[in-house]
Amino acid sequence: MDLTEKQLESEEIYRGKIITVYRDTVSLPEGRTSKREVVEHAGGAGVVALDEDGYIYLVRQYRYAFGCELLEIPAGKLERGEDPLKCAVRELSEETGFTADKMEFLGEIQPSPGYCREVLYDYLATGLKCGDMHLDPGEYLKVERLRLEDAYRAVMRGELADAKTVIGILKTWERFRSGT
């Protein structure tokens, strides 16, 4: 059975600085129609910054939508058409002051595919060199350092829940635990 839903109509119902929301009418596999609300977002890139002593660098910032501070890997929004690696390098520098000798692609994440077209790209940064942070206007955060092992445990205890952070830490942990 073909599971494809085919778009019949699309109506833009909201356009903001960060997202656009559409209400689509789709044809279901057996022929009935249904509505889908879709959020379009440019996507983003995140970086697990790992130093030679086994520490990763995370940023703590207030997330209004959740009403609390979250600890996350450095990350930011892609500019339209921007290469995710370029975004990752920029965000690492802006949010932590670090540059990296090596950036390895960890993978692509679709955080909420039931309603959102956002794609996130995670990278592992090694060979870190210190520099100065240069945050965007209105951006407030604190950099925190955790041993990779402790970050892994925090993920497993549910203390770190941000999708890009969880996936980045788990992939980095597995890479170094297994020696690959």
C-alpha atoms as a PDB file:
ATOM      1  CA  MET A   1       0.000   0.000   0.000  1.00  0.00           C
ATOM      2  CA  ASP A   2       1.274   3.458  -0.934  1.00  0.00           C
ATOM      3  CA  LEU A   3       1.257   5.606   2.240  1.00  0.00           C
ATOM      4  CA  THR A   4       1.768   8.915   0.417  1.00  0.00           C
ATOM      5  CA  GLU A   5      -0.507  11.834   1.211  1.00  0.00           C
ATOM      6  CA  LYS A   6      -0.871  14.224  -1.730  1.00  0.00           C
ATOM      7  CA  GLN A   7      -1.256  17.965  -1.233  1.00  0.00           C
ATOM      8  CA  LEU A   8      -4.423  19.300  -2.858  1.00  0.00           C
ATOM      9  CA  GLU A   9      -4.437  22.850  -1.436  1.00  0.00           C
ATOM     10  CA  SER A  10      -2.150  24.937   0.744  1.00  0.00           C
ATOM     11  CA  GLU A  11      -3.028  28.133   2.600  1.00  0.00           C
ATOM     12  CA  GLU A  12      -0.469  30.270   4.422  1.00  0.00           C
ATOM     13  CA  ILE A  13      -2.071  31.178   7.750  1.00  0.00           C
ATOM     14  CA  TYR A  14       0.865  32.842   9.522  1.00  0.00           C
ATOM     15  CA  ARG A  15       4.235  34.299   8.529  1.00  0.00           C
ATOM     16  CA  GLY A  16       6.676  35.390  11.238  1.00  0.00           C
ATOM     17  CA  LYS A  17      10.405  36.058  11.518  1.00  0.00           C
ATOM     18  CA  ILE A  18      11.217  32.442  12.332  1.00  0.00           C
ATOM     19  CA  ILE A  19       8.310  30.282  11.167  1.00  0.00           C
ATOM     20  CA  THR A  20       5.576  30.149   8.554  1.00  0.00           C
ATOM     21  CA  VAL A  21       2.458  28.079   9.196  1.00  0.00           C
ATOM     22  CA  TYR A  22       0.371  26.448   6.453  1.00  0.00           C
ATOM     23  CA  ARG A  23      -2.994  24.700   6.531  1.00  0.00           C
ATOM     24  CA  ASP A  24      -3.014  22.079   3.803  1.00  0.00           C
ATOM     25  CA  THR A  25      -5.712  19.832   2.417  1.00  0.00           C
ATOM     26  CA  VAL A  26      -4.349  16.405   1.517  1.00  0.00           C
ATOM     27  CA  SER A  27      -5.643  13.315  -0.219  1.00  0.00           C
ATOM     28  CA  LEU A  28      -5.164  10.232   1.971  1.00  0.00           C
ATOM     29  CA  PRO A  29      -4.043   6.852   0.542  1.00  0.00           C
ATOM     30  CA  GLU A  30      -7.619   5.494   0.334  1.00  0.00           C
ATOM     31  CA  GLY A  31      -8.926   8.694  -1.296  1.00  0.00           C
ATOM     32  CA  ARG A  32     -10.515  10.643   1.586  1.00  0.00           C
ATOM     33  CA  THR A  33      -9.235  14.140   2.353  1.00  0.00           C
ATOM     34  CA  SER A  34      -7.865  15.554   5.577  1.00  0.00           C
ATOM     35  CA  LYS A  35      -6.281  18.747   6.909  1.00  0.00           C
ATOM     36  CA  ARG A  36      -2.639  19.125   7.920  1.00  0.00           C
ATOM     37  CA  GLU A  37      -1.053  22.086   9.682  1.00  0.00           C
ATOM     38  CA  VAL A  38       2.608  22.439   8.791  1.00  0.00           C
ATOM     39  CA  VAL A  39       5.243  24.673  10.361  1.00  0.00           C
ATOM     40  CA  GLU A  40       8.056  25.716   8.070  1.00  0.00           C
ATOM     41  CA  HIS A  41      11.377  26.612   9.739  1.00  0.00           C
ATOM     42  CA  ALA A  42      14.767  27.227   8.104  1.00  0.00           C
ATOM     43  CA  GLY A  43      16.400  24.618  10.342  1.00  0.00           C
ATOM     44  CA  GLY A  44      19.532  24.885  12.386  1.00  0.00           C
ATOM     45  CA  ALA A  45      22.895  23.444  13.311  1.00  0.00           C
ATOM     46  CA  GLY A  46      24.241  22.346  16.670  1.00  0.00           C
ATOM     47  CA  VAL A  47      27.740  21.541  17.872  1.00  0.00           C
ATOM     48  CA  VAL A  48      29.054  19.103  20.453  1.00  0.00           C
ATOM     49  CA  ALA A  49      32.294  20.908  21.355  1.00  0.00           C
ATOM     50  CA  LEU A  50      34.646  18.307  22.865  1.00  0.00           C
ATOM     51  CA  ASP A  51      38.045  19.239  24.288  1.00  0.00           C
ATOM     52  CA  GLU A  52      41.103  16.997  24.596  1.00  0.00           C
ATOM     53  CA  ASP A  53      40.331  16.351  28.296  1.00  0.00           C
ATOM     54  CA  GLY A  54      36.897  14.841  27.567  1.00  0.00           C
ATOM     55  CA  TYR A  55      34.768  17.867  28.443  1.00  0.00           C
ATOM     56  CA  ILE A  56      31.956  19.225  26.308  1.00  0.00           C
ATOM     57  CA  TYR A  57      30.754  22.819  26.349  1.00  0.00           C
ATOM     58  CA  LEU A  58      27.052  23.538  26.703  1.00  0.00           C
ATOM     59  CA  VAL A  59      25.094  26.777  26.855  1.00  0.00           C
ATOM     60  CA  ARG A  60      22.455  27.546  29.446  1.00  0.00           C
ATOM     61  CA  GLN A  61      19.740  29.884  28.278  1.00  0.00           C
ATOM     62  CA  TYR A  62      16.177  30.788  29.131  1.00  0.00           C
ATOM     63  CA  ARG A  63      13.688  29.264  26.714  1.00  0.00           C
ATOM     64  CA  TYR A  64      10.508  31.303  26.789  1.00  0.00           C
ATOM     65  CA  ALA A  65       8.294  28.590  25.255  1.00  0.00           C
ATOM     66  CA  PHE A  66       9.101  26.267  28.176  1.00  0.00           C
ATOM     67  CA  GLY A  67       9.405  28.983  30.822  1.00  0.00           C
ATOM     68  CA  CYS A  68      12.753  27.801  32.140  1.00  0.00           C
ATOM     69  CA  GLU A  69      16.473  27.628  31.515  1.00  0.00           C
ATOM     70  CA  LEU A  70      17.721  24.727  29.404  1.00  0.00           C
ATOM     71  CA  LEU A  71      21.219  23.355  28.973  1.00  0.00           C
ATOM     72  CA  GLU A  72      21.936  22.743  25.295  1.00  0.00           C
ATOM     73  CA  ILE A  73      24.756  22.313  22.831  1.00  0.00           C
ATOM     74  CA  PRO A  74      25.675  25.581  21.068  1.00  0.00           C
ATOM     75  CA  ALA A  75      23.349  25.978  18.104  1.00  0.00           C
ATOM     76  CA  GLY A  76      21.567  28.425  15.884  1.00  0.00           C
ATOM     77  CA  LYS A  77      19.192  28.967  13.021  1.00  0.00           C
ATOM     78  CA  LEU A  78      20.255  28.520   9.424  1.00  0.00           C
ATOM     79  CA  GLU A  79      20.001  31.540   7.184  1.00  0.00           C
ATOM     80  CA  ARG A  80      17.987  30.781   4.033  1.00  0.00           C
ATOM     81  CA  GLY A  81      20.162  28.612   1.757  1.00  0.00           C
ATOM     82  CA  GLU A  82      23.062  28.529   4.234  1.00  0.00           C
ATOM     83  CA  ASP A  83      25.341  25.503   4.438  1.00  0.00           C
ATOM     84  CA  PRO A  84      24.746  23.798   7.828  1.00  0.00           C
ATOM     85  CA  LEU A  85      28.492  23.440   8.477  1.00  0.00           C
ATOM     86  CA  LYS A  86      28.971  27.185   8.031  1.00  0.00           C
ATOM     87  CA  CYS A  87      26.139  27.787  10.508  1.00  0.00           C
ATOM     88  CA  ALA A  88      27.674  25.357  13.019  1.00  0.00           C
ATOM     89  CA  VAL A  89      31.084  27.052  12.815  1.00  0.00           C
ATOM     90  CA  ARG A  90      29.482  30.483  13.276  1.00  0.00           C
ATOM     91  CA  GLU A  91      27.320  29.448  16.221  1.00  0.00           C
ATOM     92  CA  LEU A  92      30.191  27.681  18.001  1.00  0.00           C
ATOM     93  CA  SER A  93      32.249  30.861  17.766  1.00  0.00           C
ATOM     94  CA  GLU A  94      29.419  33.244  18.679  1.00  0.00           C
ATOM     95  CA  GLU A  95      28.117  31.286  21.665  1.00  0.00           C
ATOM     96  CA  THR A  96      31.344  29.879  23.155  1.00  0.00           C
ATOM     97  CA  GLY A  97      34.221  31.772  21.545  1.00  0.00           C
ATOM     98  CA  PHE A  98      35.697  28.491  20.299  1.00  0.00           C
ATOM     99  CA  THR A  99      36.994  27.635  16.878  1.00  0.00           C
ATOM    100  CA  ALA A 100      37.727  24.013  15.982  1.00  0.00           C
ATOM    101  CA  ASP A 101      40.446  22.275  13.991  1.00  0.00           C
ATOM    102  CA  LYS A 102      37.977  19.584  12.988  1.00  0.00           C
ATOM    103  CA  MET A 103      34.194  19.524  12.469  1.00  0.00           C
ATOM    104  CA  GLU A 104      32.620  16.104  11.878  1.00  0.00           C
ATOM    105  CA  PHE A 105      29.019  15.652  10.759  1.00  0.00           C
ATOM    106  CA  LEU A 106      27.054  13.607  13.324  1.00  0.00           C
ATOM    107  CA  GLY A 107      23.764  13.498  11.472  1.00  0.00           C
ATOM    108  CA  GLU A 108      20.473  15.103  10.594  1.00  0.00           C
ATOM    109  CA  ILE A 109      17.529  15.377  12.988  1.00  0.00           C
ATOM    110  CA  GLN A 110      13.840  15.849  12.195  1.00  0.00           C
ATOM    111  CA  PRO A 111      12.669  16.947  15.668  1.00  0.00           C
ATOM    112  CA  SER A 112       8.883  17.001  15.085  1.00  0.00           C
ATOM    113  CA  PRO A 113       8.015  15.532  11.655  1.00  0.00           C
ATOM    114  CA  GLY A 114       4.324  15.232  12.502  1.00  0.00           C
ATOM    115  CA  TYR A 115       3.842  18.948  11.918  1.00  0.00           C
ATOM    116  CA  CYS A 116       7.180  20.671  11.304  1.00  0.00           C
ATOM    117  CA  ARG A 117       9.590  20.704   8.330  1.00  0.00           C
ATOM    118  CA  GLU A 118      12.539  21.796  10.507  1.00  0.00           C
ATOM    119  CA  VAL A 119      15.785  19.856  10.029  1.00  0.00           C
ATOM    120  CA  LEU A 120      18.678  20.169  12.473  1.00  0.00           C
ATOM    121  CA  TYR A 121      22.271  19.206  11.699  1.00  0.00           C
ATOM    122  CA  ASP A 122      24.607  18.095  14.497  1.00  0.00           C
ATOM    123  CA  TYR A 123      28.393  18.331  14.355  1.00  0.00           C
ATOM    124  CA  LEU A 124      31.257  17.260  16.593  1.00  0.00           C
ATOM    125  CA  ALA A 125      33.956  19.917  17.064  1.00  0.00           C
ATOM    126  CA  THR A 126      37.428  18.871  18.231  1.00  0.00           C
ATOM    127  CA  GLY A 127      40.779  20.618  18.400  1.00  0.00           C
ATOM    128  CA  LEU A 128      39.157  23.547  20.182  1.00  0.00           C
ATOM    129  CA  LYS A 129      40.864  26.937  20.338  1.00  0.00           C
ATOM    130  CA  CYS A 130      39.668  29.613  22.786  1.00  0.00           C
ATOM    131  CA  GLY A 131      38.501  33.011  21.620  1.00  0.00           C
ATOM    132  CA  ASP A 132      35.917  35.616  22.549  1.00  0.00           C
ATOM    133  CA  MET A 133      32.172  35.069  22.507  1.00  0.00           C
ATOM    134  CA  HIS A 134      30.194  37.475  20.340  1.00  0.00           C
ATOM    135  CA  LEU A 135      26.515  36.947  21.079  1.00  0.00           C
ATOM    136  CA  ASP A 136      23.710  38.306  18.939  1.00  0.00           C
ATOM    137  CA  PRO A 137      21.854  41.337  20.337  1.00  0.00           C
ATOM    138  CA  GLY A 138      19.249  40.116  22.828  1.00  0.00           C
ATOM    139  CA  GLU A 139      20.965  36.743  23.268  1.00  0.00           C
ATOM    140  CA  TYR A 140      21.843  35.838  26.854  1.00  0.00           C
ATOM    141  CA  LEU A 141      23.537  32.613  27.852  1.00  0.00           C
ATOM    142  CA  LYS A 142      26.139  31.048  30.098  1.00  0.00           C
ATOM    143  CA  VAL A 143      28.707  28.508  28.935  1.00  0.00           C
ATOM    144  CA  GLU A 144      29.056  25.413  31.121  1.00  0.00           C
ATOM    145  CA  ARG A 145      31.556  22.575  30.904  1.00  0.00           C
ATOM    146  CA  LEU A 146      30.646  18.929  31.596  1.00  0.00           C
ATOM    147  CA  ARG A 147      32.588  15.714  31.208  1.00  0.00           C
ATOM    148  CA  LEU A 148      31.176  13.815  28.227  1.00  0.00           C
ATOM    149  CA  GLU A 149      30.439  10.881  30.542  1.00  0.00           C
ATOM    150  CA  ASP A 150      28.464  13.131  32.917  1.00  0.00           C
ATOM    151  CA  ALA A 151      26.541  14.649  30.007  1.00  0.00           C
ATOM    152  CA  TYR A 152      25.687  11.138  28.807  1.00  0.00           C
ATOM    153  CA  ARG A 153      24.410  10.245  32.283  1.00  0.00           C
ATOM    154  CA  ALA A 154      22.375  13.477  32.439  1.00  0.00           C
ATOM    155  CA  VAL A 155      20.737  12.520  29.131  1.00  0.00           C
ATOM    156  CA  MET A 156      19.942   9.026  30.413  1.00  0.00           C
ATOM    157  CA  ARG A 157      18.430  10.461  33.626  1.00  0.00           C
ATOM    158  CA  GLY A 158      16.268  12.848  31.574  1.00  0.00           C
ATOM    159  CA  GLU A 159      18.032  15.951  32.883  1.00  0.00           C
ATOM    160  CA  LEU A 160      18.939  17.056  29.352  1.00  0.00           C
ATOM    161  CA  ALA A 161      15.935  16.829  27.035  1.00  0.00           C
ATOM    162  CA  ASP A 162      16.579  19.147  24.074  1.00  0.00           C
ATOM    163  CA  ALA A 163      16.505  16.903  20.974  1.00  0.00           C
ATOM    164  CA  LYS A 164      19.634  18.173  19.208  1.00  0.00           C
ATOM    165  CA  THR A 165      21.556  18.036  22.490  1.00  0.00           C
ATOM    166  CA  VAL A 166      20.417  14.525  23.396  1.00  0.00           C
ATOM    167  CA  ILE A 167      21.194  13.142  19.957  1.00  0.00           C
ATOM    168  CA  GLY A 168      24.530  14.941  19.700  1.00  0.00           C
ATOM    169  CA  ILE A 169      25.672  13.700  23.108  1.00  0.00           C
ATOM    170  CA  LEU A 170      24.504  10.124  22.486  1.00  0.00           C
ATOM    171  CA  LYS A 171      26.225   9.957  19.097  1.00  0.00           C
ATOM    172  CA  THR A 172      29.423  11.459  20.507  1.00  0.00           C
ATOM    173  CA  TRP A 173      29.344   9.108  23.512  1.00  0.00           C
ATOM    174  CA  GLU A 174      28.861   6.085  21.264  1.00  0.00           C
ATOM    175  CA  ARG A 175      31.665   7.188  18.949  1.00  0.00           C
ATOM    176  CA  PHE A 176      34.169   7.487  21.783  1.00  0.00           C
ATOM    177  CA  ARG A 177      32.881   4.540  23.817  1.00  0.00           C
ATOM    178  CA  SER A 178      33.189   2.242  20.824  1.00  0.00           C
ATOM    179  CA  GLY A 179      36.457   3.807  19.640  1.00  0.00           C
ATOM    180  CA  THR A 180      35.156   4.816  16.192  1.00  0.00           C
END
